[in-house]
Amino acid sequence: MQKALGAGLFLRRADGTLQLTSAGERAALQAERIEREICGLASAVSGVDDTAAGTVRLTAVPIIVNHILLPAAPALLKRYPALNLG
């Protein structure tokens, strides 16, 4: 990232720890702003396309069908009533 930006972001101290340079501090502030924007985007669109509809066909061995898929089907259909398990 330092190479791509053309600026040193960290200085390695004698004890091996890293310290942000002034460019690194500016980059960190910008990254925090970007992170807030991304989180805002996620909450703005979360659940918008939460509707599942149509026919779903599953193929599995009988033990999976009988012990996992069939018991889970009522909850799935309650959450997504427009689904058709075919």
PDB file of N, CA and C in Angstrom:
ATOM      1  N   MET A   1       0.824  -1.178   0.000  1.00  0.00           N
ATOM      2  CA  MET A   1       0.000   0.000   0.000  1.00  0.00           C
ATOM      3  C   MET A   1       0.879   1.256   0.000  1.00  0.00           C
ATOM      4  N   GLN A   2       1.951   1.208   0.767  1.00  0.00           N
ATOM      5  CA  GLN A   2       2.864   2.348   0.798  1.00  0.00           C
ATOM      6  C   GLN A   2       3.408   2.643  -0.594  1.00  0.00           C
ATOM      7  N   LYS A   3       3.752   1.579  -1.308  1.00  0.00           N
ATOM      8  CA  LYS A   3       4.292   1.746  -2.663  1.00  0.00           C
ATOM      9  C   LYS A   3       3.233   2.349  -3.581  1.00  0.00           C
ATOM     10  N   ALA A   4       2.006   1.839  -3.483  1.00  0.00           N
ATOM     11  CA  ALA A   4       0.931   2.335  -4.340  1.00  0.00           C
ATOM     12  C   ALA A   4       0.626   3.802  -4.044  1.00  0.00           C
ATOM     13  N   LEU A   5       0.702   4.183  -2.770  1.00  0.00           N
ATOM     14  CA  LEU A   5       0.414   5.565  -2.393  1.00  0.00           C
ATOM     15  C   LEU A   5       1.623   6.486  -2.566  1.00  0.00           C
ATOM     16  N   GLY A   6       2.795   5.902  -2.642  1.00  0.00           N
ATOM     17  CA  GLY A   6       4.005   6.700  -2.754  1.00  0.00           C
ATOM     18  C   GLY A   6       4.329   7.451  -1.478  1.00  0.00           C
ATOM     19  N   ALA A   7       3.960   6.870  -0.345  1.00  0.00           N
ATOM     20  CA  ALA A   7       4.217   7.518   0.950  1.00  0.00           C
ATOM     21  C   ALA A   7       4.414   6.441   2.001  1.00  0.00           C
ATOM     22  N   GLY A   8       5.344   6.686   2.903  1.00  0.00           N
ATOM     23  CA  GLY A   8       5.544   5.768   4.022  1.00  0.00           C
ATOM     24  C   GLY A   8       4.439   5.955   5.054  1.00  0.00           C
ATOM     25  N   LEU A   9       3.812   4.884   5.456  1.00  0.00           N
ATOM     26  CA  LEU A   9       2.704   4.964   6.407  1.00  0.00           C
ATOM     27  C   LEU A   9       3.138   4.589   7.823  1.00  0.00           C
ATOM     28  N   PHE A  10       4.200   3.799   7.939  1.00  0.00           N
ATOM     29  CA  PHE A  10       4.659   3.323   9.232  1.00  0.00           C
ATOM     30  C   PHE A  10       6.156   3.510   9.374  1.00  0.00           C
ATOM     31  N   LEU A  11       6.567   3.691  10.602  1.00  0.00           N
ATOM     32  CA  LEU A  11       7.983   3.647  10.959  1.00  0.00           C
ATOM     33  C   LEU A  11       8.154   2.511  11.951  1.00  0.00           C
ATOM     34  N   ARG A  12       9.172   1.687  11.747  1.00  0.00           N
ATOM     35  CA  ARG A  12       9.442   0.605  12.692  1.00  0.00           C
ATOM     36  C   ARG A  12      10.366   1.143  13.779  1.00  0.00           C
ATOM     37  N   ARG A  13       9.919   1.035  15.015  1.00  0.00           N
ATOM     38  CA  ARG A  13      10.711   1.492  16.162  1.00  0.00           C
ATOM     39  C   ARG A  13      11.787   0.462  16.492  1.00  0.00           C
ATOM     40  N   ALA A  14      12.712   0.855  17.321  1.00  0.00           N
ATOM     41  CA  ALA A  14      13.813  -0.030  17.727  1.00  0.00           C
ATOM     42  C   ALA A  14      13.296  -1.282  18.427  1.00  0.00           C
ATOM     43  N   ASP A  15      12.153  -1.159  19.125  1.00  0.00           N
ATOM     44  CA  ASP A  15      11.605  -2.329  19.837  1.00  0.00           C
ATOM     45  C   ASP A  15      10.768  -3.233  18.925  1.00  0.00           C
ATOM     46  N   GLY A  16      10.694  -2.880  17.637  1.00  0.00           N
ATOM     47  CA  GLY A  16       9.985  -3.715  16.669  1.00  0.00           C
ATOM     48  C   GLY A  16       8.545  -3.306  16.429  1.00  0.00           C
ATOM     49  N   THR A  17       8.000  -2.416  17.246  1.00  0.00           N
ATOM     50  CA  THR A  17       6.621  -1.980  17.037  1.00  0.00           C
ATOM     51  C   THR A  17       6.561  -0.973  15.897  1.00  0.00           C
ATOM     52  N   LEU A  18       5.377  -0.763  15.376  1.00  0.00           N
ATOM     53  CA  LEU A  18       5.178   0.172  14.278  1.00  0.00           C
ATOM     54  C   LEU A  18       4.523   1.440  14.787  1.00  0.00           C
ATOM     55  N   GLN A  19       4.906   2.560  14.218  1.00  0.00           N
ATOM     56  CA  GLN A  19       4.325   3.857  14.544  1.00  0.00           C
ATOM     57  C   GLN A  19       3.848   4.495  13.252  1.00  0.00           C
ATOM     58  N   LEU A  20       2.649   5.061  13.282  1.00  0.00           N
ATOM     59  CA  LEU A  20       2.134   5.739  12.093  1.00  0.00           C
ATOM     60  C   LEU A  20       2.936   7.001  11.820  1.00  0.00           C
ATOM     61  N   THR A  21       3.212   7.231  10.554  1.00  0.00           N
ATOM     62  CA  THR A  21       3.797   8.506  10.133  1.00  0.00           C
ATOM     63  C   THR A  21       2.649   9.508  10.006  1.00  0.00           C
ATOM     64  N   SER A  22       2.945  10.751   9.690  1.00  0.00           N
ATOM     65  CA  SER A  22       1.864  11.719   9.484  1.00  0.00           C
ATOM     66  C   SER A  22       0.998  11.296   8.293  1.00  0.00           C
ATOM     67  N   ALA A  23       1.626  10.754   7.253  1.00  0.00           N
ATOM     68  CA  ALA A  23       0.850  10.232   6.111  1.00  0.00           C
ATOM     69  C   ALA A  23       0.004   9.041   6.557  1.00  0.00           C
ATOM     70  N   GLY A  24       0.556   8.199   7.427  1.00  0.00           N
ATOM     71  CA  GLY A  24      -0.183   7.056   7.948  1.00  0.00           C
ATOM     72  C   GLY A  24      -1.382   7.477   8.773  1.00  0.00           C
ATOM     73  N   GLU A  25      -1.212   8.553   9.554  1.00  0.00           N
ATOM     74  CA  GLU A  25      -2.335   9.072  10.347  1.00  0.00           C
ATOM     75  C   GLU A  25      -3.442   9.589   9.435  1.00  0.00           C
ATOM     76  N   ARG A  26      -3.058  10.302   8.381  1.00  0.00           N
ATOM     77  CA  ARG A  26      -4.068  10.796   7.428  1.00  0.00           C
ATOM     78  C   ARG A  26      -4.761   9.626   6.728  1.00  0.00           C
ATOM     79  N   ALA A  27      -3.982   8.617   6.356  1.00  0.00           N
ATOM     80  CA  ALA A  27      -4.567   7.440   5.703  1.00  0.00           C
ATOM     81  C   ALA A  27      -5.525   6.718   6.647  1.00  0.00           C
ATOM     82  N   ALA A  28      -5.161   6.613   7.922  1.00  0.00           N
ATOM     83  CA  ALA A  28      -6.025   5.945   8.900  1.00  0.00           C
ATOM     84  C   ALA A  28      -7.334   6.707   9.075  1.00  0.00           C
ATOM     85  N   LEU A  29      -7.266   8.033   9.145  1.00  0.00           N
ATOM     86  CA  LEU A  29      -8.492   8.842   9.261  1.00  0.00           C
ATOM     87  C   LEU A  29      -9.388   8.660   8.040  1.00  0.00           C
ATOM     88  N   GLN A  30      -8.771   8.648   6.867  1.00  0.00           N
ATOM     89  CA  GLN A  30      -9.539   8.452   5.635  1.00  0.00           C
ATOM     90  C   GLN A  30     -10.159   7.060   5.609  1.00  0.00           C
ATOM     91  N   ALA A  31      -9.405   6.052   6.037  1.00  0.00           N
ATOM     92  CA  ALA A  31      -9.913   4.676   6.068  1.00  0.00           C
ATOM     93  C   ALA A  31     -11.082   4.560   7.048  1.00  0.00           C
ATOM     94  N   GLU A  32     -11.011   5.245   8.177  1.00  0.00           N
ATOM     95  CA  GLU A  32     -12.119   5.225   9.137  1.00  0.00           C
ATOM     96  C   GLU A  32     -13.367   5.867   8.536  1.00  0.00           C
ATOM     97  N   ARG A  33     -13.188   6.954   7.804  1.00  0.00           N
ATOM     98  CA  ARG A  33     -14.327   7.595   7.141  1.00  0.00           C
ATOM     99  C   ARG A  33     -14.957   6.658   6.116  1.00  0.00           C
ATOM    100  N   ILE A  34     -14.114   5.994   5.343  1.00  0.00           N
ATOM    101  CA  ILE A  34     -14.599   5.040   4.346  1.00  0.00           C
ATOM    102  C   ILE A  34     -15.341   3.896   5.030  1.00  0.00           C
ATOM    103  N   GLU A  35     -14.805   3.410   6.138  1.00  0.00           N
ATOM    104  CA  GLU A  35     -15.464   2.328   6.872  1.00  0.00           C
ATOM    105  C   GLU A  35     -16.851   2.757   7.352  1.00  0.00           C
ATOM    106  N   ARG A  36     -16.973   3.973   7.873  1.00  0.00           N
ATOM    107  CA  ARG A  36     -18.285   4.485   8.304  1.00  0.00           C
ATOM    108  C   ARG A  36     -19.254   4.558   7.132  1.00  0.00           C
ATOM    109  N   GLU A  37     -18.771   5.006   5.988  1.00  0.00           N
ATOM    110  CA  GLU A  37     -19.622   5.084   4.794  1.00  0.00           C
ATOM    111  C   GLU A  37     -20.098   3.694   4.367  1.00  0.00           C
ATOM    112  N   ILE A  38     -19.196   2.728   4.393  1.00  0.00           N
ATOM    113  CA  ILE A  38     -19.557   1.360   4.004  1.00  0.00           C
ATOM    114  C   ILE A  38     -20.579   0.795   4.973  1.00  0.00           C
ATOM    115  N   CYS A  39     -20.384   1.028   6.265  1.00  0.00           N
ATOM    116  CA  CYS A  39     -21.351   0.548   7.260  1.00  0.00           C
ATOM    117  C   CYS A  39     -22.705   1.219   7.051  1.00  0.00           C
ATOM    118  N   GLY A  40     -22.682   2.502   6.697  1.00  0.00           N
ATOM    119  CA  GLY A  40     -23.930   3.202   6.401  1.00  0.00           C
ATOM    120  C   GLY A  40     -24.626   2.621   5.197  1.00  0.00           C
ATOM    121  N   LEU A  41     -23.860   2.270   4.189  1.00  0.00           N
ATOM    122  CA  LEU A  41     -24.427   1.639   3.004  1.00  0.00           C
ATOM    123  C   LEU A  41     -25.047   0.294   3.363  1.00  0.00           C
ATOM    124  N   ALA A  42     -24.343  -0.476   4.157  1.00  0.00           N
ATOM    125  CA  ALA A  42     -24.848  -1.798   4.540  1.00  0.00           C
ATOM    126  C   ALA A  42     -26.172  -1.682   5.276  1.00  0.00           C
ATOM    127  N   SER A  43     -26.285  -0.747   6.207  1.00  0.00           N
ATOM    128  CA  SER A  43     -27.538  -0.630   6.942  1.00  0.00           C
ATOM    129  C   SER A  43     -28.643  -0.006   6.084  1.00  0.00           C
ATOM    130  N   ALA A  44     -28.274   0.810   5.095  1.00  0.00           N
ATOM    131  CA  ALA A  44     -29.282   1.423   4.225  1.00  0.00           C
ATOM    132  C   ALA A  44     -29.943   0.410   3.305  1.00  0.00           C
ATOM    133  N   VAL A  45     -29.203  -0.601   2.874  1.00  0.00           N
ATOM    134  CA  VAL A  45     -29.768  -1.570   1.935  1.00  0.00           C
ATOM    135  C   VAL A  45     -30.040  -2.933   2.562  1.00  0.00           C
ATOM    136  N   SER A  46     -29.711  -3.103   3.816  1.00  0.00           N
ATOM    137  CA  SER A  46     -29.903  -4.395   4.478  1.00  0.00           C
ATOM    138  C   SER A  46     -31.373  -4.797   4.453  1.00  0.00           C
ATOM    139  N   GLY A  47     -31.623  -5.971   3.950  1.00  0.00           N
ATOM    140  CA  GLY A  47     -32.970  -6.511   3.940  1.00  0.00           C
ATOM    141  C   GLY A  47     -33.836  -6.064   2.779  1.00  0.00           C
ATOM    142  N   VAL A  48     -33.341  -5.188   1.923  1.00  0.00           N
ATOM    143  CA  VAL A  48     -34.143  -4.700   0.803  1.00  0.00           C
ATOM    144  C   VAL A  48     -34.544  -5.847  -0.114  1.00  0.00           C
ATOM    145  N   ASP A  49     -33.616  -6.720  -0.407  1.00  0.00           N
ATOM    146  CA  ASP A  49     -33.905  -7.861  -1.278  1.00  0.00           C
ATOM    147  C   ASP A  49     -34.033  -9.140  -0.465  1.00  0.00           C
ATOM    148  N   ASP A  50     -34.697  -9.049   0.665  1.00  0.00           N
ATOM    149  CA  ASP A  50     -34.793 -10.181   1.579  1.00  0.00           C
ATOM    150  C   ASP A  50     -35.911 -11.142   1.207  1.00  0.00           C
ATOM    151  N   THR A  51     -36.546 -10.904   0.067  1.00  0.00           N
ATOM    152  CA  THR A  51     -37.637 -11.761  -0.349  1.00  0.00           C
ATOM    153  C   THR A  51     -37.125 -12.827  -1.309  1.00  0.00           C
ATOM    154  N   ALA A  52     -37.380 -14.048  -0.950  1.00  0.00           N
ATOM    155  CA  ALA A  52     -37.028 -15.165  -1.825  1.00  0.00           C
ATOM    156  C   ALA A  52     -38.329 -15.735  -2.374  1.00  0.00           C
ATOM    157  N   ALA A  53     -38.369 -15.986  -3.659  1.00  0.00           N
ATOM    158  CA  ALA A  53     -39.584 -16.499  -4.279  1.00  0.00           C
ATOM    159  C   ALA A  53     -39.209 -17.433  -5.411  1.00  0.00           C
ATOM    160  N   GLY A  54     -40.128 -18.359  -5.694  1.00  0.00           N
ATOM    161  CA  GLY A  54     -39.924 -19.265  -6.804  1.00  0.00           C
ATOM    162  C   GLY A  54     -39.813 -20.705  -6.343  1.00  0.00           C
ATOM    163  N   THR A  55     -39.537 -21.566  -7.287  1.00  0.00           N
ATOM    164  CA  THR A  55     -39.438 -22.992  -7.015  1.00  0.00           C
ATOM    165  C   THR A  55     -38.000 -23.369  -6.706  1.00  0.00           C
ATOM    166  N   VAL A  56     -37.836 -24.130  -5.655  1.00  0.00           N
ATOM    167  CA  VAL A  56     -36.526 -24.636  -5.261  1.00  0.00           C
ATOM    168  C   VAL A  56     -36.592 -26.152  -5.282  1.00  0.00           C
ATOM    169  N   ARG A  57     -35.672 -26.778  -5.991  1.00  0.00           N
ATOM    170  CA  ARG A  57     -35.611 -28.233  -6.046  1.00  0.00           C
ATOM    171  C   ARG A  57     -34.320 -28.683  -5.376  1.00  0.00           C
ATOM    172  N   LEU A  58     -34.456 -29.572  -4.433  1.00  0.00           N
ATOM    173  CA  LEU A  58     -33.305 -30.083  -3.704  1.00  0.00           C
ATOM    174  C   LEU A  58     -33.141 -31.564  -3.972  1.00  0.00           C
ATOM    175  N   THR A  59     -31.918 -31.993  -4.077  1.00  0.00           N
ATOM    176  CA  THR A  59     -31.605 -33.401  -4.219  1.00  0.00           C
ATOM    177  C   THR A  59     -30.625 -33.763  -3.130  1.00  0.00           C
ATOM    178  N   ALA A  60     -30.942 -34.819  -2.396  1.00  0.00           N
ATOM    179  CA  ALA A  60     -30.062 -35.270  -1.323  1.00  0.00           C
ATOM    180  C   ALA A  60     -30.365 -36.727  -1.012  1.00  0.00           C
ATOM    181  N   VAL A  61     -29.472 -37.351  -0.312  1.00  0.00           N
ATOM    182  CA  VAL A  61     -29.703 -38.727   0.110  1.00  0.00           C
ATOM    183  C   VAL A  61     -30.822 -38.731   1.147  1.00  0.00           C
ATOM    184  N   PRO A  62     -31.571 -39.831   1.250  1.00  0.00           N
ATOM    185  CA  PRO A  62     -32.742 -39.876   2.126  1.00  0.00           C
ATOM    186  C   PRO A  62     -32.467 -39.470   3.585  1.00  0.00           C
ATOM    187  N   ILE A  63     -31.332 -39.841   4.136  1.00  0.00           N
ATOM    188  CA  ILE A  63     -31.091 -39.507   5.542  1.00  0.00           C
ATOM    189  C   ILE A  63     -31.008 -37.995   5.744  1.00  0.00           C
ATOM    190  N   ILE A  64     -30.432 -37.277   4.774  1.00  0.00           N
ATOM    191  CA  ILE A  64     -30.360 -35.815   4.847  1.00  0.00           C
ATOM    192  C   ILE A  64     -31.750 -35.208   4.668  1.00  0.00           C
ATOM    193  N   VAL A  65     -32.487 -35.733   3.695  1.00  0.00           N
ATOM    194  CA  VAL A  65     -33.847 -35.240   3.458  1.00  0.00           C
ATOM    195  C   VAL A  65     -34.690 -35.420   4.708  1.00  0.00           C
ATOM    196  N   ASN A  66     -34.700 -36.621   5.265  1.00  0.00           N
ATOM    197  CA  ASN A  66     -35.583 -36.938   6.385  1.00  0.00           C
ATOM    198  C   ASN A  66     -35.184 -36.287   7.705  1.00  0.00           C
ATOM    199  N   HIS A  67     -33.897 -36.127   7.926  1.00  0.00           N
ATOM    200  CA  HIS A  67     -33.451 -35.645   9.234  1.00  0.00           C
ATOM    201  C   HIS A  67     -33.049 -34.172   9.261  1.00  0.00           C
ATOM    202  N   ILE A  68     -32.825 -33.571   8.110  1.00  0.00           N
ATOM    203  CA  ILE A  68     -32.396 -32.167   8.096  1.00  0.00           C
ATOM    204  C   ILE A  68     -33.350 -31.304   7.277  1.00  0.00           C
ATOM    205  N   LEU A  69     -33.553 -31.663   6.006  1.00  0.00           N
ATOM    206  CA  LEU A  69     -34.311 -30.794   5.107  1.00  0.00           C
ATOM    207  C   LEU A  69     -35.803 -30.734   5.447  1.00  0.00           C
ATOM    208  N   LEU A  70     -36.443 -31.886   5.614  1.00  0.00           N
ATOM    209  CA  LEU A  70     -37.873 -31.868   5.930  1.00  0.00           C
ATOM    210  C   LEU A  70     -38.176 -31.183   7.264  1.00  0.00           C
ATOM    211  N   PRO A  71     -37.414 -31.441   8.327  1.00  0.00           N
ATOM    212  CA  PRO A  71     -37.691 -30.717   9.577  1.00  0.00           C
ATOM    213  C   PRO A  71     -37.477 -29.202   9.459  1.00  0.00           C
ATOM    214  N   ALA A  72     -36.578 -28.754   8.595  1.00  0.00           N
ATOM    215  CA  ALA A  72     -36.308 -27.322   8.446  1.00  0.00           C
ATOM    216  C   ALA A  72     -37.287 -26.632   7.502  1.00  0.00           C
ATOM    217  N   ALA A  73     -37.995 -27.384   6.689  1.00  0.00           N
ATOM    218  CA  ALA A  73     -38.869 -26.806   5.665  1.00  0.00           C
ATOM    219  C   ALA A  73     -39.956 -25.888   6.227  1.00  0.00           C
ATOM    220  N   PRO A  74     -40.686 -26.250   7.292  1.00  0.00           N
ATOM    221  CA  PRO A  74     -41.739 -25.350   7.777  1.00  0.00           C
ATOM    222  C   PRO A  74     -41.216 -23.962   8.179  1.00  0.00           C
ATOM    223  N   ALA A  75     -40.077 -23.905   8.835  1.00  0.00           N
ATOM    224  CA  ALA A  75     -39.517 -22.603   9.233  1.00  0.00           C
ATOM    225  C   ALA A  75     -39.098 -21.806   8.007  1.00  0.00           C
ATOM    226  N   LEU A  76     -38.515 -22.476   7.021  1.00  0.00           N
ATOM    227  CA  LEU A  76     -38.108 -21.810   5.796  1.00  0.00           C
ATOM    228  C   LEU A  76     -39.317 -21.239   5.068  1.00  0.00           C
ATOM    229  N   LEU A  77     -40.378 -22.035   4.946  1.00  0.00           N
ATOM    230  CA  LEU A  77     -41.572 -21.578   4.239  1.00  0.00           C
ATOM    231  C   LEU A  77     -42.320 -20.500   5.020  1.00  0.00           C
ATOM    232  N   LYS A  78     -42.222 -20.530   6.330  1.00  0.00           N
ATOM    233  CA  LYS A  78     -42.837 -19.465   7.130  1.00  0.00           C
ATOM    234  C   LYS A  78     -42.106 -18.150   6.888  1.00  0.00           C
ATOM    235  N   ARG A  79     -40.774 -18.208   6.824  1.00  0.00           N
ATOM    236  CA  ARG A  79     -39.988 -16.996   6.597  1.00  0.00           C
ATOM    237  C   ARG A  79     -40.121 -16.505   5.158  1.00  0.00           C
ATOM    238  N   TYR A  80     -40.202 -17.436   4.197  1.00  0.00           N
ATOM    239  CA  TYR A  80     -40.297 -17.090   2.782  1.00  0.00           C
ATOM    240  C   TYR A  80     -41.514 -17.775   2.168  1.00  0.00           C
ATOM    241  N   PRO A  81     -42.698 -17.246   2.402  1.00  0.00           N
ATOM    242  CA  PRO A  81     -43.923 -17.916   1.942  1.00  0.00           C
ATOM    243  C   PRO A  81     -44.060 -18.005   0.420  1.00  0.00           C
ATOM    244  N   ALA A  82     -43.317 -17.220  -0.329  1.00  0.00           N
ATOM    245  CA  ALA A  82     -43.411 -17.263  -1.786  1.00  0.00           C
ATOM    246  C   ALA A  82     -42.543 -18.356  -2.384  1.00  0.00           C
ATOM    247  N   LEU A  83     -41.847 -19.105  -1.526  1.00  0.00           N
ATOM    248  CA  LEU A  83     -41.043 -20.235  -2.030  1.00  0.00           C
ATOM    249  C   LEU A  83     -41.942 -21.430  -2.277  1.00  0.00           C
ATOM    250  N   ASN A  84     -41.582 -22.207  -3.266  1.00  0.00           N
ATOM    251  CA  ASN A  84     -42.272 -23.455  -3.566  1.00  0.00           C
ATOM    252  C   ASN A  84     -41.198 -24.537  -3.584  1.00  0.00           C
ATOM    253  N   LEU A  85     -41.271 -25.458  -2.624  1.00  0.00           N
ATOM    254  CA  LEU A  85     -40.316 -26.562  -2.594  1.00  0.00           C
ATOM    255  C   LEU A  85     -40.852 -27.643  -3.506  1.00  0.00           C
ATOM    256  N   GLY A  86     -40.197 -27.814  -4.665  1.00  0.00           N
ATOM    257  CA  GLY A  86     -40.707 -28.733  -5.667  1.00  0.00           C
ATOM    258  C   GLY A  86     -39.945 -29.989  -5.782  1.00  0.00           C
TER     259      GLY A  86
END
